[in-house]
Amino acid sequence: MRSPTQKILIILLSLSFLASITSCSTMKGLGQDIKKGGQSLENSAERHGG
């Protein structure tokens, strides 16, 4: 049987792992959104002679 400290450590490590996986996806999505926004601004500037 594991001690309470070991159980807490396992839970914290599991939560940290899940958070890191989620944040990677979020950051990738954010990067894609920023890229699309930049492309839209560039296209608009080109259309309007900027």
N, C-alpha and C. Protein backbone atom coordinates (compact mmCIF):
# COMPACT_ATOMS: atom_id res chain seq x y z
N MET A 1 0.84 -1.18 0.00
CA MET A 1 0.00 0.00 0.00
C MET A 1 0.89 1.24 0.00
N ARG A 2 0.45 2.26 -0.73
CA ARG A 2 1.24 3.49 -0.85
C ARG A 2 0.90 4.46 0.27
N SER A 3 1.88 5.24 0.62
CA SER A 3 1.67 6.25 1.65
C SER A 3 0.87 7.42 1.07
N PRO A 4 0.22 8.20 1.92
CA PRO A 4 -0.54 9.37 1.43
C PRO A 4 0.32 10.34 0.62
N THR A 5 1.58 10.48 1.02
CA THR A 5 2.48 11.37 0.28
C THR A 5 2.71 10.86 -1.13
N GLN A 6 2.88 9.56 -1.29
CA GLN A 6 3.07 8.99 -2.62
C GLN A 6 1.82 9.16 -3.47
N LYS A 7 0.66 8.99 -2.88
CA LYS A 7 -0.60 9.15 -3.62
C LYS A 7 -0.74 10.59 -4.11
N ILE A 8 -0.42 11.54 -3.24
CA ILE A 8 -0.51 12.95 -3.62
C ILE A 8 0.48 13.26 -4.74
N LEU A 9 1.68 12.74 -4.64
CA LEU A 9 2.69 12.95 -5.67
C LEU A 9 2.24 12.38 -7.01
N ILE A 10 1.68 11.20 -7.01
CA ILE A 10 1.19 10.58 -8.24
C ILE A 10 0.07 11.41 -8.85
N ILE A 11 -0.83 11.88 -8.02
CA ILE A 11 -1.94 12.71 -8.51
C ILE A 11 -1.40 14.01 -9.11
N LEU A 12 -0.48 14.66 -8.43
CA LEU A 12 0.09 15.92 -8.94
C LEU A 12 0.85 15.71 -10.24
N LEU A 13 1.60 14.63 -10.33
CA LEU A 13 2.33 14.35 -11.57
C LEU A 13 1.37 14.07 -12.72
N SER A 14 0.30 13.34 -12.43
CA SER A 14 -0.70 13.04 -13.46
C SER A 14 -1.38 14.31 -13.95
N LEU A 15 -1.74 15.19 -13.02
CA LEU A 15 -2.37 16.45 -13.40
C LEU A 15 -1.42 17.33 -14.20
N SER A 16 -0.17 17.35 -13.81
CA SER A 16 0.83 18.13 -14.55
C SER A 16 1.00 17.61 -15.96
N PHE A 17 1.03 16.30 -16.10
CA PHE A 17 1.15 15.69 -17.42
C PHE A 17 -0.04 16.05 -18.30
N LEU A 18 -1.24 15.94 -17.75
CA LEU A 18 -2.44 16.28 -18.52
C LEU A 18 -2.46 17.76 -18.89
N ALA A 19 -2.05 18.62 -17.99
CA ALA A 19 -2.00 20.05 -18.28
C ALA A 19 -1.00 20.35 -19.39
N SER A 20 0.13 19.66 -19.39
CA SER A 20 1.13 19.92 -20.43
C SER A 20 0.63 19.47 -21.79
N ILE A 21 -0.09 18.37 -21.84
CA ILE A 21 -0.65 17.90 -23.12
C ILE A 21 -1.67 18.91 -23.63
N THR A 22 -2.53 19.38 -22.76
CA THR A 22 -3.56 20.33 -23.13
C THR A 22 -2.95 21.64 -23.57
N SER A 23 -1.96 22.12 -22.87
CA SER A 23 -1.37 23.41 -23.22
C SER A 23 -0.65 23.35 -24.56
N CYS A 24 -0.08 22.23 -24.90
CA CYS A 24 0.58 22.11 -26.20
C CYS A 24 -0.44 22.27 -27.31
N SER A 25 -1.56 21.63 -27.18
CA SER A 25 -2.61 21.75 -28.19
C SER A 25 -3.13 23.17 -28.25
N THR A 26 -3.30 23.78 -27.10
CA THR A 26 -3.81 25.14 -27.05
C THR A 26 -2.82 26.10 -27.70
N MET A 27 -1.56 25.97 -27.39
CA MET A 27 -0.55 26.86 -27.97
C MET A 27 -0.45 26.66 -29.48
N LYS A 28 -0.57 25.44 -29.93
CA LYS A 28 -0.53 25.18 -31.37
C LYS A 28 -1.71 25.85 -32.05
N GLY A 29 -2.89 25.71 -31.46
CA GLY A 29 -4.08 26.35 -32.00
C GLY A 29 -3.97 27.87 -31.98
N LEU A 30 -3.43 28.41 -30.91
CA LEU A 30 -3.25 29.85 -30.81
C LEU A 30 -2.30 30.34 -31.89
N GLY A 31 -1.23 29.62 -32.10
CA GLY A 31 -0.28 29.98 -33.15
C GLY A 31 -0.93 29.98 -34.52
N GLN A 32 -1.77 29.01 -34.78
CA GLN A 32 -2.46 28.93 -36.07
C GLN A 32 -3.43 30.10 -36.23
N ASP A 33 -4.14 30.45 -35.16
CA ASP A 33 -5.07 31.58 -35.21
C ASP A 33 -4.33 32.89 -35.48
N ILE A 34 -3.21 33.09 -34.83
CA ILE A 34 -2.43 34.30 -35.04
C ILE A 34 -1.91 34.36 -36.47
N LYS A 35 -1.48 33.22 -36.97
CA LYS A 35 -0.98 33.17 -38.35
C LYS A 35 -2.09 33.53 -39.33
N LYS A 36 -3.29 32.99 -39.13
CA LYS A 36 -4.42 33.30 -40.01
C LYS A 36 -4.78 34.77 -39.93
N GLY A 37 -4.74 35.33 -38.73
CA GLY A 37 -5.04 36.75 -38.56
C GLY A 37 -4.03 37.62 -39.30
N GLY A 38 -2.77 37.25 -39.22
CA GLY A 38 -1.72 37.98 -39.93
C GLY A 38 -1.88 37.89 -41.43
N GLN A 39 -2.26 36.73 -41.92
CA GLN A 39 -2.48 36.56 -43.36
C GLN A 39 -3.66 37.41 -43.82
N SER A 40 -4.71 37.48 -43.01
CA SER A 40 -5.87 38.29 -43.36
C SER A 40 -5.50 39.77 -43.43
N LEU A 41 -4.70 40.23 -42.46
CA LEU A 41 -4.26 41.64 -42.49
C LEU A 41 -3.40 41.92 -43.71
N GLU A 42 -2.51 40.99 -44.02
CA GLU A 42 -1.65 41.16 -45.18
C GLU A 42 -2.47 41.21 -46.46
N ASN A 43 -3.43 40.31 -46.60
CA ASN A 43 -4.27 40.29 -47.79
C ASN A 43 -5.08 41.58 -47.91
N SER A 44 -5.60 42.05 -46.81
CA SER A 44 -6.38 43.29 -46.82
C SER A 44 -5.51 44.48 -47.22
N ALA A 45 -4.30 44.52 -46.71
CA ALA A 45 -3.38 45.61 -47.07
C ALA A 45 -3.04 45.57 -48.54
N GLU A 46 -2.84 44.39 -49.09
CA GLU A 46 -2.52 44.26 -50.51
C GLU A 46 -3.69 44.70 -51.38
N ARG A 47 -4.90 44.36 -50.97
CA ARG A 47 -6.10 44.75 -51.73
C ARG A 47 -6.31 46.25 -51.73
N HIS A 48 -5.93 46.90 -50.66
CA HIS A 48 -6.19 48.34 -50.52
C HIS A 48 -4.94 49.17 -50.81
N GLY A 49 -3.96 48.58 -51.45
CA GLY A 49 -2.76 49.30 -51.86
C GLY A 49 -1.82 49.68 -50.72
N GLY A 50 -1.80 48.85 -49.66
CA GLY A 50 -0.96 49.18 -48.51
C GLY A 50 0.43 48.71 -48.59
